[in-house]
Amino acid sequence: MEPGTRWAAAASVALLAVVCAPAHAESLRCGNGTADEGDSRLAVAYKCGQPLLADSYCAPVYYAQTLNPVPEPFASVAVPCQAVEEWLYDRGPGNLMATVRFRHGRVNAIIYGRVPR
């Protein structure tokens, strides 16, 4: 293999490693620490204080590895909905709002945006 070809192959492998690397989980920097995915509601409340707004709803349950929801009457009888709680934090001027989503009492996702979704 020529030196130029080796360099191109090495660059391709490095690019592939970067593209295939796992995505980093979001976190929320607060006054008493950083809230991360997997934290409990109690830990987030301690680290970040009370949210500006809080909402809870019942999310539909989907068939395993599909985007098809479980139909009625099975959805309400055999497969209950999944309880989801969302807390909204206003991080101040110049910062995006943060929505912390809890499933099973743990942080499932932290979403940043100009307005809550």
C-alpha atoms as a PDB file:
ATOM      1  CA  MET A   1       0.000   0.000   0.000  1.00  0.00           C
ATOM      2  CA  GLU A   2       1.330   3.462  -0.850  1.00  0.00           C
ATOM      3  CA  PRO A   3       1.706   6.124   1.894  1.00  0.00           C
ATOM      4  CA  GLY A   4      -1.128   8.243   0.461  1.00  0.00           C
ATOM      5  CA  THR A   5      -3.442   5.252   0.357  1.00  0.00           C
ATOM      6  CA  ARG A   6      -2.591   4.310   3.943  1.00  0.00           C
ATOM      7  CA  TRP A   7      -3.363   7.839   5.092  1.00  0.00           C
ATOM      8  CA  ALA A   8      -6.736   7.780   3.289  1.00  0.00           C
ATOM      9  CA  ALA A   9      -7.562   4.392   4.808  1.00  0.00           C
ATOM     10  CA  ALA A  10      -6.606   5.611   8.291  1.00  0.00           C
ATOM     11  CA  ALA A  11      -8.697   8.769   7.841  1.00  0.00           C
ATOM     12  CA  SER A  12     -11.662   6.668   6.700  1.00  0.00           C
ATOM     13  CA  VAL A  13     -11.381   4.408   9.749  1.00  0.00           C
ATOM     14  CA  ALA A  14     -11.122   7.431  12.065  1.00  0.00           C
ATOM     15  CA  LEU A  15     -14.170   9.053  10.463  1.00  0.00           C
ATOM     16  CA  LEU A  16     -16.140   5.820  10.747  1.00  0.00           C
ATOM     17  CA  ALA A  17     -15.210   5.554  14.452  1.00  0.00           C
ATOM     18  CA  VAL A  18     -16.471   9.098  15.088  1.00  0.00           C
ATOM     19  CA  VAL A  19     -19.718   8.536  13.175  1.00  0.00           C
ATOM     20  CA  CYS A  20     -20.423   5.210  14.901  1.00  0.00           C
ATOM     21  CA  ALA A  21     -19.587   6.455  18.398  1.00  0.00           C
ATOM     22  CA  PRO A  22     -22.520   6.375  20.827  1.00  0.00           C
ATOM     23  CA  ALA A  23     -24.390   9.639  21.292  1.00  0.00           C
ATOM     24  CA  HIS A  24     -23.660  11.524  24.475  1.00  0.00           C
ATOM     25  CA  ALA A  25     -26.526  11.864  26.903  1.00  0.00           C
ATOM     26  CA  GLU A  26     -27.757  15.353  27.674  1.00  0.00           C
ATOM     27  CA  SER A  27     -27.256  16.819  31.108  1.00  0.00           C
ATOM     28  CA  LEU A  28     -28.556  19.885  32.923  1.00  0.00           C
ATOM     29  CA  ARG A  29     -26.171  22.067  34.918  1.00  0.00           C
ATOM     30  CA  CYS A  30     -27.842  23.408  38.050  1.00  0.00           C
ATOM     31  CA  GLY A  31     -26.918  25.262  41.236  1.00  0.00           C
ATOM     32  CA  ASN A  32     -26.222  22.122  43.301  1.00  0.00           C
ATOM     33  CA  GLY A  33     -24.746  19.882  40.596  1.00  0.00           C
ATOM     34  CA  THR A  34     -25.507  18.368  37.241  1.00  0.00           C
ATOM     35  CA  ALA A  35     -28.682  16.408  36.521  1.00  0.00           C
ATOM     36  CA  ASP A  36     -28.057  13.474  34.180  1.00  0.00           C
ATOM     37  CA  GLU A  37     -30.075  10.734  32.535  1.00  0.00           C
ATOM     38  CA  GLY A  38     -30.832   8.044  35.102  1.00  0.00           C
ATOM     39  CA  ASP A  39     -31.115  10.469  38.037  1.00  0.00           C
ATOM     40  CA  SER A  40     -34.173  10.170  40.288  1.00  0.00           C
ATOM     41  CA  ARG A  41     -36.778  12.923  40.728  1.00  0.00           C
ATOM     42  CA  LEU A  42     -35.433  13.526  44.211  1.00  0.00           C
ATOM     43  CA  ALA A  43     -31.881  13.999  42.902  1.00  0.00           C
ATOM     44  CA  VAL A  44     -33.048  16.451  40.210  1.00  0.00           C
ATOM     45  CA  ALA A  45     -35.125  18.414  42.723  1.00  0.00           C
ATOM     46  CA  TYR A  46     -32.086  18.625  45.037  1.00  0.00           C
ATOM     47  CA  LYS A  47     -29.686  19.667  42.269  1.00  0.00           C
ATOM     48  CA  CYS A  48     -31.978  22.011  40.313  1.00  0.00           C
ATOM     49  CA  GLY A  49     -34.736  23.063  42.707  1.00  0.00           C
ATOM     50  CA  GLN A  50     -38.427  23.169  41.915  1.00  0.00           C
ATOM     51  CA  PRO A  51     -39.334  23.357  38.211  1.00  0.00           C
ATOM     52  CA  LEU A  52     -41.099  26.328  36.659  1.00  0.00           C
ATOM     53  CA  LEU A  53     -43.846  23.974  35.449  1.00  0.00           C
ATOM     54  CA  ALA A  54     -44.538  20.263  35.856  1.00  0.00           C
ATOM     55  CA  ASP A  55     -46.833  18.019  33.831  1.00  0.00           C
ATOM     56  CA  SER A  56     -47.667  14.336  33.851  1.00  0.00           C
ATOM     57  CA  TYR A  57     -49.461  12.248  31.269  1.00  0.00           C
ATOM     58  CA  CYS A  58     -50.007   8.683  30.204  1.00  0.00           C
ATOM     59  CA  ALA A  59     -47.958   7.834  27.098  1.00  0.00           C
ATOM     60  CA  PRO A  60     -49.158   5.078  24.766  1.00  0.00           C
ATOM     61  CA  VAL A  61     -47.370   1.738  24.806  1.00  0.00           C
ATOM     62  CA  TYR A  62     -45.951   0.458  21.503  1.00  0.00           C
ATOM     63  CA  TYR A  63     -45.303  -3.036  20.227  1.00  0.00           C
ATOM     64  CA  ALA A  64     -41.706  -4.078  20.778  1.00  0.00           C
ATOM     65  CA  GLN A  65     -39.362  -2.464  18.231  1.00  0.00           C
ATOM     66  CA  THR A  66     -42.167  -0.906  16.156  1.00  0.00           C
ATOM     67  CA  LEU A  67     -43.968   2.406  15.896  1.00  0.00           C
ATOM     68  CA  ASN A  68     -47.376   0.729  16.145  1.00  0.00           C
ATOM     69  CA  PRO A  69     -49.288   1.466  19.356  1.00  0.00           C
ATOM     70  CA  VAL A  70     -51.027  -1.375  21.167  1.00  0.00           C
ATOM     71  CA  PRO A  71     -54.713  -1.091  20.109  1.00  0.00           C
ATOM     72  CA  GLU A  72     -57.757  -0.918  22.348  1.00  0.00           C
ATOM     73  CA  PRO A  73     -59.063  -2.870  24.270  1.00  0.00           C
ATOM     74  CA  PHE A  74     -55.636  -4.428  24.922  1.00  0.00           C
ATOM     75  CA  ALA A  75     -54.007  -1.059  25.612  1.00  0.00           C
ATOM     76  CA  SER A  76     -56.194  -0.276  28.608  1.00  0.00           C
ATOM     77  CA  VAL A  77     -56.677  -3.816  29.915  1.00  0.00           C
ATOM     78  CA  ALA A  78     -53.557  -5.890  29.277  1.00  0.00           C
ATOM     79  CA  VAL A  79     -50.938  -3.197  28.641  1.00  0.00           C
ATOM     80  CA  PRO A  80     -51.433  -0.071  30.734  1.00  0.00           C
ATOM     81  CA  CYS A  81     -50.064   3.212  29.495  1.00  0.00           C
ATOM     82  CA  GLN A  82     -46.675   4.412  30.642  1.00  0.00           C
ATOM     83  CA  ALA A  83     -46.638   7.254  33.173  1.00  0.00           C
ATOM     84  CA  VAL A  84     -44.450  10.163  32.035  1.00  0.00           C
ATOM     85  CA  GLU A  85     -43.639  13.285  33.999  1.00  0.00           C
ATOM     86  CA  GLU A  86     -42.026  16.407  32.521  1.00  0.00           C
ATOM     87  CA  TRP A  87     -40.425  19.269  34.443  1.00  0.00           C
ATOM     88  CA  LEU A  88     -39.650  22.590  32.773  1.00  0.00           C
ATOM     89  CA  TYR A  89     -36.678  24.714  33.862  1.00  0.00           C
ATOM     90  CA  ASP A  90     -36.100  28.294  32.725  1.00  0.00           C
ATOM     91  CA  ARG A  91     -32.322  28.666  32.785  1.00  0.00           C
ATOM     92  CA  GLY A  92     -32.326  32.445  32.493  1.00  0.00           C
ATOM     93  CA  PRO A  93     -31.692  35.014  29.772  1.00  0.00           C
ATOM     94  CA  GLY A  94     -29.614  33.806  26.846  1.00  0.00           C
ATOM     95  CA  ASN A  95     -30.196  30.112  27.642  1.00  0.00           C
ATOM     96  CA  LEU A  96     -32.637  27.617  26.162  1.00  0.00           C
ATOM     97  CA  MET A  97     -35.383  26.202  28.348  1.00  0.00           C
ATOM     98  CA  ALA A  98     -34.820  22.644  29.544  1.00  0.00           C
ATOM     99  CA  THR A  99     -37.489  19.962  29.764  1.00  0.00           C
ATOM    100  CA  VAL A 100     -36.566  17.012  31.973  1.00  0.00           C
ATOM    101  CA  ARG A 101     -38.612  13.899  31.120  1.00  0.00           C
ATOM    102  CA  PHE A 102     -39.042  11.154  33.735  1.00  0.00           C
ATOM    103  CA  ARG A 103     -40.141   7.571  33.097  1.00  0.00           C
ATOM    104  CA  HIS A 104     -40.303   5.048  35.936  1.00  0.00           C
ATOM    105  CA  GLY A 105     -39.151   7.800  38.321  1.00  0.00           C
ATOM    106  CA  ARG A 106     -35.826   8.339  36.538  1.00  0.00           C
ATOM    107  CA  VAL A 107     -34.628  10.949  34.034  1.00  0.00           C
ATOM    108  CA  ASN A 108     -35.281   9.479  30.603  1.00  0.00           C
ATOM    109  CA  ALA A 109     -34.342  12.548  28.543  1.00  0.00           C
ATOM    110  CA  ILE A 110     -33.324  16.183  28.834  1.00  0.00           C
ATOM    111  CA  ILE A 111     -34.525  18.310  25.934  1.00  0.00           C
ATOM    112  CA  TYR A 112     -33.495  21.885  25.205  1.00  0.00           C
ATOM    113  CA  GLY A 113     -35.591  24.346  23.213  1.00  0.00           C
ATOM    114  CA  ARG A 114     -36.881  27.887  22.974  1.00  0.00           C
ATOM    115  CA  VAL A 115     -40.374  26.776  23.980  1.00  0.00           C
ATOM    116  CA  PRO A 116     -41.649  23.670  25.771  1.00  0.00           C
ATOM    117  CA  ARG A 117     -42.855  20.802  23.565  1.00  0.00           C
END
